[in-house]
PDB file of N, CA and C in Angstrom:
ATOM      1  N   UNK A   1       7.544 -11.828  -1.884  1.00  0.00           N
ATOM      2  CA  UNK A   1       6.153 -11.287  -1.901  1.00  0.00           C
ATOM      3  C   UNK A   1       6.404 -10.427  -2.314  1.00  0.00           C
ATOM      4  N   UNK A   2       5.089 -10.006  -3.224  1.00  0.00           N
ATOM      5  CA  UNK A   2       5.266  -8.839  -4.179  1.00  0.00           C
ATOM      6  C   UNK A   2       3.699  -7.885  -4.039  1.00  0.00           C
ATOM      7  N   UNK A   3       3.736  -6.754  -3.941  1.00  0.00           N
ATOM      8  CA  UNK A   3       2.503  -5.874  -3.731  1.00  0.00           C
ATOM      9  C   UNK A   3       2.385  -4.559  -5.068  1.00  0.00           C
ATOM     10  N   UNK A   4       1.095  -4.356  -4.819  1.00  0.00           N
ATOM     11  CA  UNK A   4       0.846  -3.477  -6.115  1.00  0.00           C
ATOM     12  C   UNK A   4      -0.400  -2.919  -5.486  1.00  0.00           C
ATOM     13  N   UNK A   5      -0.222  -1.626  -6.365  1.00  0.00           N
ATOM     14  CA  UNK A   5      -1.662  -0.837  -5.627  1.00  0.00           C
ATOM     15  C   UNK A   5      -2.163  -0.581  -7.061  1.00  0.00           C
ATOM     16  N   UNK A   6      -3.848  -0.469  -7.157  1.00  0.00           N
ATOM     17  CA  UNK A   6      -4.576  -0.160  -8.266  1.00  0.00           C
ATOM     18  C   UNK A   6      -4.844   1.190  -7.883  1.00  0.00           C
ATOM     19  N   UNK A   7      -4.258   1.764  -8.916  1.00  0.00           N
ATOM     20  CA  UNK A   7      -4.255   3.316  -8.849  1.00  0.00           C
ATOM     21  C   UNK A   7      -5.735   3.909  -9.615  1.00  0.00           C
ATOM     22  N   UNK A   8      -6.586   2.873  -9.907  1.00  0.00           N
ATOM     23  CA  UNK A   8      -7.849   3.534 -10.537  1.00  0.00           C
ATOM     24  C   UNK A   8      -8.782   3.242  -8.819  1.00  0.00           C
ATOM     25  N   UNK A   9      -8.342   2.054  -8.072  1.00  0.00           N
ATOM     26  CA  UNK A   9      -9.361   2.016  -7.031  1.00  0.00           C
ATOM     27  C   UNK A   9      -8.884   2.560  -5.570  1.00  0.00           C
ATOM     28  N   UNK A  10      -7.704   3.250  -5.385  1.00  0.00           N
ATOM     29  CA  UNK A  10      -7.156   4.003  -4.635  1.00  0.00           C
ATOM     30  C   UNK A  10      -8.087   5.425  -4.644  1.00  0.00           C
ATOM     31  N   UNK A  11      -8.319   5.775  -3.139  1.00  0.00           N
ATOM     32  CA  UNK A  11      -8.918   6.833  -2.999  1.00  0.00           C
ATOM     33  C   UNK A  11      -8.253   7.705  -2.074  1.00  0.00           C
ATOM     34  N   UNK A  12      -7.167   7.440  -1.666  1.00  0.00           N
ATOM     35  CA  UNK A  12      -6.491   8.372  -0.759  1.00  0.00           C
ATOM     36  C   UNK A  12      -6.575   8.168   0.500  1.00  0.00           C
ATOM     37  N   UNK A  13      -7.151   7.177   0.947  1.00  0.00           N
ATOM     38  CA  UNK A  13      -7.649   7.173   2.625  1.00  0.00           C
ATOM     39  C   UNK A  13      -6.241   7.196   3.328  1.00  0.00           C
ATOM     40  N   UNK A  14      -5.211   7.027   2.880  1.00  0.00           N
ATOM     41  CA  UNK A  14      -3.827   6.784   3.471  1.00  0.00           C
ATOM     42  C   UNK A  14      -3.547   5.884   4.849  1.00  0.00           C
ATOM     43  N   UNK A  15      -4.409   4.925   4.695  1.00  0.00           N
ATOM     44  CA  UNK A  15      -4.011   4.070   5.898  1.00  0.00           C
ATOM     45  C   UNK A  15      -2.873   3.088   5.521  1.00  0.00           C
ATOM     46  N   UNK A  16      -2.767   2.841   4.301  1.00  0.00           N
ATOM     47  CA  UNK A  16      -1.388   1.823   4.148  1.00  0.00           C
ATOM     48  C   UNK A  16      -0.174   2.203   4.341  1.00  0.00           C
ATOM     49  N   UNK A  17      -0.272   3.778   4.039  1.00  0.00           N
ATOM     50  CA  UNK A  17       0.999   4.510   4.364  1.00  0.00           C
ATOM     51  C   UNK A  17       1.151   4.596   5.905  1.00  0.00           C
ATOM     52  N   UNK A  18      -0.043   4.837   6.852  1.00  0.00           N
ATOM     53  CA  UNK A  18       0.219   4.848   7.908  1.00  0.00           C
ATOM     54  C   UNK A  18       0.630   3.223   8.779  1.00  0.00           C
ATOM     55  N   UNK A  19       0.151   2.447   8.252  1.00  0.00           N
ATOM     56  CA  UNK A  19       0.641   0.947   8.712  1.00  0.00           C
ATOM     57  C   UNK A  19       2.130   0.457   7.852  1.00  0.00           C
ATOM     58  N   UNK A  20       2.291   0.837   6.869  1.00  0.00           N
ATOM     59  CA  UNK A  20       3.524   0.520   6.350  1.00  0.00           C
ATOM     60  C   UNK A  20       4.288   1.522   5.767  1.00  0.00           C
ATOM     61  N   UNK A  21       4.988   2.676   6.563  1.00  0.00           N
ATOM     62  CA  UNK A  21       5.418   3.722   5.638  1.00  0.00           C
ATOM     63  C   UNK A  21       6.213   3.572   4.859  1.00  0.00           C
ATOM     64  N   UNK A  22       7.153   2.313   5.040  1.00  0.00           N
ATOM     65  CA  UNK A  22       8.224   1.915   4.484  1.00  0.00           C
ATOM     66  C   UNK A  22       7.988   1.332   2.945  1.00  0.00           C
ATOM     67  N   UNK A  23       6.486   0.757   2.840  1.00  0.00           N
ATOM     68  CA  UNK A  23       6.574  -0.013   1.650  1.00  0.00           C
ATOM     69  C   UNK A  23       5.395   1.038   0.636  1.00  0.00           C
ATOM     70  N   UNK A  24       4.903   1.819   1.392  1.00  0.00           N
ATOM     71  CA  UNK A  24       3.886   2.828   0.461  1.00  0.00           C
ATOM     72  C   UNK A  24       4.132   4.373   0.774  1.00  0.00           C
ATOM     73  N   UNK A  25       4.301   5.128  -0.492  1.00  0.00           N
ATOM     74  CA  UNK A  25       4.196   6.284  -0.330  1.00  0.00           C
ATOM     75  C   UNK A  25       2.877   7.136  -1.165  1.00  0.00           C
ATOM     76  N   UNK A  26       2.849   8.405  -0.420  1.00  0.00           N
ATOM     77  CA  UNK A  26       1.591   8.925  -0.973  1.00  0.00           C
ATOM     78  C   UNK A  26       1.707  10.036  -1.824  1.00  0.00           C
ATOM     79  N   UNK A  27       1.090  10.325  -2.965  1.00  0.00           N
ATOM     80  CA  UNK A  27       1.585  11.408  -3.872  1.00  0.00           C
ATOM     81  C   UNK A  27       1.094  12.583  -3.314  1.00  0.00           C
ATOM     82  N   UNK A  28       1.721  13.987  -3.168  1.00  0.00           N
ATOM     83  CA  UNK A  28       1.630  14.975  -2.765  1.00  0.00           C
ATOM     84  C   UNK A  28       0.829  15.978  -3.347  1.00  0.00           C
ATOM     85  N   UNK A  29      -0.061  15.508  -4.239  1.00  0.00           N
ATOM     86  CA  UNK A  29      -1.076  16.426  -4.906  1.00  0.00           C
ATOM     87  C   UNK A  29      -2.103  15.632  -4.812  1.00  0.00           C
ATOM     88  N   UNK A  30      -2.577  14.494  -4.885  1.00  0.00           N
ATOM     89  CA  UNK A  30      -3.784  14.046  -4.661  1.00  0.00           C
ATOM     90  C   UNK A  30      -4.056  13.137  -3.318  1.00  0.00           C
ATOM     91  N   UNK A  31      -2.729  12.700  -2.665  1.00  0.00           N
ATOM     92  CA  UNK A  31      -2.654  11.249  -1.655  1.00  0.00           C
ATOM     93  C   UNK A  31      -2.969  10.272  -2.154  1.00  0.00           C
ATOM     94  N   UNK A  32      -2.948   9.879  -3.413  1.00  0.00           N
ATOM     95  CA  UNK A  32      -3.005   8.458  -3.459  1.00  0.00           C
ATOM     96  C   UNK A  32      -1.831   7.789  -3.365  1.00  0.00           C
ATOM     97  N   UNK A  33      -1.881   6.202  -3.063  1.00  0.00           N
ATOM     98  CA  UNK A  33      -0.735   5.841  -2.818  1.00  0.00           C
ATOM     99  C   UNK A  33       0.015   4.942  -3.839  1.00  0.00           C
ATOM    100  N   UNK A  34       1.357   4.853  -3.829  1.00  0.00           N
ATOM    101  CA  UNK A  34       1.955   4.233  -4.529  1.00  0.00           C
ATOM    102  C   UNK A  34       2.958   2.823  -3.953  1.00  0.00           C
ATOM    103  N   UNK A  35       3.684   2.573  -4.530  1.00  0.00           N
ATOM    104  CA  UNK A  35       4.378   0.812  -3.814  1.00  0.00           C
ATOM    105  C   UNK A  35       5.820   1.621  -4.016  1.00  0.00           C
ATOM    106  N   UNK A  36       6.628   1.598  -2.869  1.00  0.00           N
ATOM    107  CA  UNK A  36       7.862   2.289  -2.769  1.00  0.00           C
ATOM    108  C   UNK A  36       8.528   1.087  -3.771  1.00  0.00           C
ATOM    109  N   UNK A  37       8.692   0.000  -3.289  1.00  0.00           N
ATOM    110  CA  UNK A  37       9.106  -1.353  -4.409  1.00  0.00           C
ATOM    111  C   UNK A  37       8.468  -2.660  -4.207  1.00  0.00           C
ATOM    112  N   UNK A  38       7.751  -3.143  -5.399  1.00  0.00           N
ATOM    113  CA  UNK A  38       6.589  -4.159  -5.202  1.00  0.00           C
ATOM    114  C   UNK A  38       7.566  -5.145  -4.936  1.00  0.00           C
ATOM    115  N   UNK A  39       8.736  -5.483  -4.497  1.00  0.00           N
ATOM    116  CA  UNK A  39       9.285  -6.783  -3.944  1.00  0.00           C
ATOM    117  C   UNK A  39       9.625  -6.380  -2.326  1.00  0.00           C
ATOM    118  N   UNK A  40       8.686  -6.970  -1.742  1.00  0.00           N
ATOM    119  CA  UNK A  40       8.124  -6.565  -0.134  1.00  0.00           C
ATOM    120  C   UNK A  40       9.479  -7.281   0.695  1.00  0.00           C
ATOM    121  N   UNK A  41      10.264  -6.577   1.546  1.00  0.00           N
ATOM    122  CA  UNK A  41      11.279  -7.168   2.411  1.00  0.00           C
ATOM    123  C   UNK A  41      10.470  -8.027   3.581  1.00  0.00           C
ATOM    124  N   UNK A  42      11.184  -9.442   3.518  1.00  0.00           N
ATOM    125  CA  UNK A  42      10.510 -10.237   4.624  1.00  0.00           C
ATOM    126  C   UNK A  42      10.204  -9.392   6.010  1.00  0.00           C
ATOM    127  N   UNK A  43      11.033  -8.553   6.533  1.00  0.00           N
ATOM    128  CA  UNK A  43      10.391  -8.172   7.640  1.00  0.00           C
ATOM    129  C   UNK A  43       9.442  -7.170   7.716  1.00  0.00           C
ATOM    130  N   UNK A  44       8.864  -6.353   6.079  1.00  0.00           N
ATOM    131  CA  UNK A  44       7.645  -5.842   6.300  1.00  0.00           C
ATOM    132  C   UNK A  44       6.600  -6.445   5.883  1.00  0.00           C
ATOM    133  N   UNK A  45       6.615  -8.075   5.416  1.00  0.00           N
ATOM    134  CA  UNK A  45       5.669  -8.769   5.124  1.00  0.00           C
ATOM    135  C   UNK A  45       4.228  -8.362   5.831  1.00  0.00           C
ATOM    136  N   UNK A  46       4.288  -8.497   6.953  1.00  0.00           N
ATOM    137  CA  UNK A  46       3.207  -8.582   7.731  1.00  0.00           C
ATOM    138  C   UNK A  46       2.245  -7.115   7.774  1.00  0.00           C
ATOM    139  N   UNK A  47       3.144  -6.255   8.045  1.00  0.00           N
ATOM    140  CA  UNK A  47       2.685  -4.894   7.976  1.00  0.00           C
ATOM    141  C   UNK A  47       2.115  -4.562   6.716  1.00  0.00           C
ATOM    142  N   UNK A  48       2.290  -5.013   5.413  1.00  0.00           N
ATOM    143  CA  UNK A  48       1.959  -4.829   4.160  1.00  0.00           C
ATOM    144  C   UNK A  48       0.503  -5.804   4.020  1.00  0.00           C
ATOM    145  N   UNK A  49       0.551  -7.057   4.513  1.00  0.00           N
ATOM    146  CA  UNK A  49      -0.745  -7.748   4.812  1.00  0.00           C
ATOM    147  C   UNK A  49      -1.582  -7.033   5.294  1.00  0.00           C
ATOM    148  N   UNK A  50      -1.364  -6.484   6.399  1.00  0.00           N
ATOM    149  CA  UNK A  50      -2.117  -5.412   7.212  1.00  0.00           C
ATOM    150  C   UNK A  50      -2.731  -4.251   6.841  1.00  0.00           C
ATOM    151  N   UNK A  51      -1.802  -3.756   5.732  1.00  0.00           N
ATOM    152  CA  UNK A  51      -2.377  -2.131   4.884  1.00  0.00           C
ATOM    153  C   UNK A  51      -3.221  -2.793   4.009  1.00  0.00           C
ATOM    154  N   UNK A  52      -3.252  -3.963   3.417  1.00  0.00           N
ATOM    155  CA  UNK A  52      -3.948  -4.799   2.058  1.00  0.00           C
ATOM    156  C   UNK A  52      -5.077  -4.729   3.262  1.00  0.00           C
ATOM    157  N   UNK A  53      -5.434  -5.563   4.120  1.00  0.00           N
ATOM    158  CA  UNK A  53      -6.514  -5.913   4.845  1.00  0.00           C
ATOM    159  C   UNK A  53      -7.347  -4.494   5.348  1.00  0.00           C
ATOM    160  N   UNK A  54      -6.343  -3.455   5.587  1.00  0.00           N
ATOM    161  CA  UNK A  54      -7.348  -2.117   6.173  1.00  0.00           C
ATOM    162  C   UNK A  54      -7.649  -1.266   4.958  1.00  0.00           C
ATOM    163  N   UNK A  55      -7.176  -1.564   3.501  1.00  0.00           N
ATOM    164  CA  UNK A  55      -7.675  -0.499   2.788  1.00  0.00           C
ATOM    165  C   UNK A  55      -9.216  -0.826   2.126  1.00  0.00           C
ATOM    166  N   UNK A  56     -10.134   0.134   2.757  1.00  0.00           N
ATOM    167  CA  UNK A  56     -11.560   0.165   2.104  1.00  0.00           C
ATOM    168  C   UNK A  56     -11.834  -0.245   0.733  1.00  0.00           C
ATOM    169  N   UNK A  57     -10.988   0.300   0.094  1.00  0.00           N
ATOM    170  CA  UNK A  57     -11.153   0.207  -1.601  1.00  0.00           C
ATOM    171  C   UNK A  57     -10.698  -1.225  -2.084  1.00  0.00           C
ATOM    172  N   UNK A  58      -9.990  -1.748  -1.180  1.00  0.00           N
ATOM    173  CA  UNK A  58      -9.399  -3.208  -1.841  1.00  0.00           C
ATOM    174  C   UNK A  58      -8.408  -2.764  -2.618  1.00  0.00           C
ATOM    175  N   UNK A  59      -7.607  -1.811  -2.663  1.00  0.00           N
ATOM    176  CA  UNK A  59      -6.803  -1.151  -3.997  1.00  0.00           C
ATOM    177  C   UNK A  59      -5.173  -2.066  -3.960  1.00  0.00           C
ATOM    178  N   UNK A  60      -4.906  -2.965  -2.777  1.00  0.00           N
ATOM    179  CA  UNK A  60      -3.726  -3.492  -2.707  1.00  0.00           C
ATOM    180  C   UNK A  60      -4.080  -4.997  -2.978  1.00  0.00           C
ATOM    181  N   UNK A  61      -3.126  -5.425  -3.814  1.00  0.00           N
ATOM    182  CA  UNK A  61      -3.019  -6.997  -3.978  1.00  0.00           C
ATOM    183  C   UNK A  61      -1.398  -7.248  -3.609  1.00  0.00           C
ATOM    184  N   UNK A  62      -1.908  -8.598  -3.494  1.00  0.00           N
ATOM    185  CA  UNK A  62      -0.266  -9.040  -2.689  1.00  0.00           C
ATOM    186  C   UNK A  62      -0.427 -10.540  -3.375  1.00  0.00           C
ATOM    187  N   UNK A  63       0.803 -10.791  -3.905  1.00  0.00           N
ATOM    188  CA  UNK A  63       1.144 -12.189  -4.867  1.00  0.00           C
ATOM    189  C   UNK A  63       2.728 -12.587  -4.155  1.00  0.00           C
TER     190      UNK A  63
END
């Protein structure tokens, strides 16, 4: 499973990093999210799916 964050859509709500802190990190300046590693480990897949569902801007894409 792969994950990415659309930087243009992310508004820095921080929900993804709260739900899946091992998969998402927040920028120190604007709080926008980025992916730690696009290849999601199997034990993190459900958390990443939940983070994507929780994103109000729908900025997280899973493939």
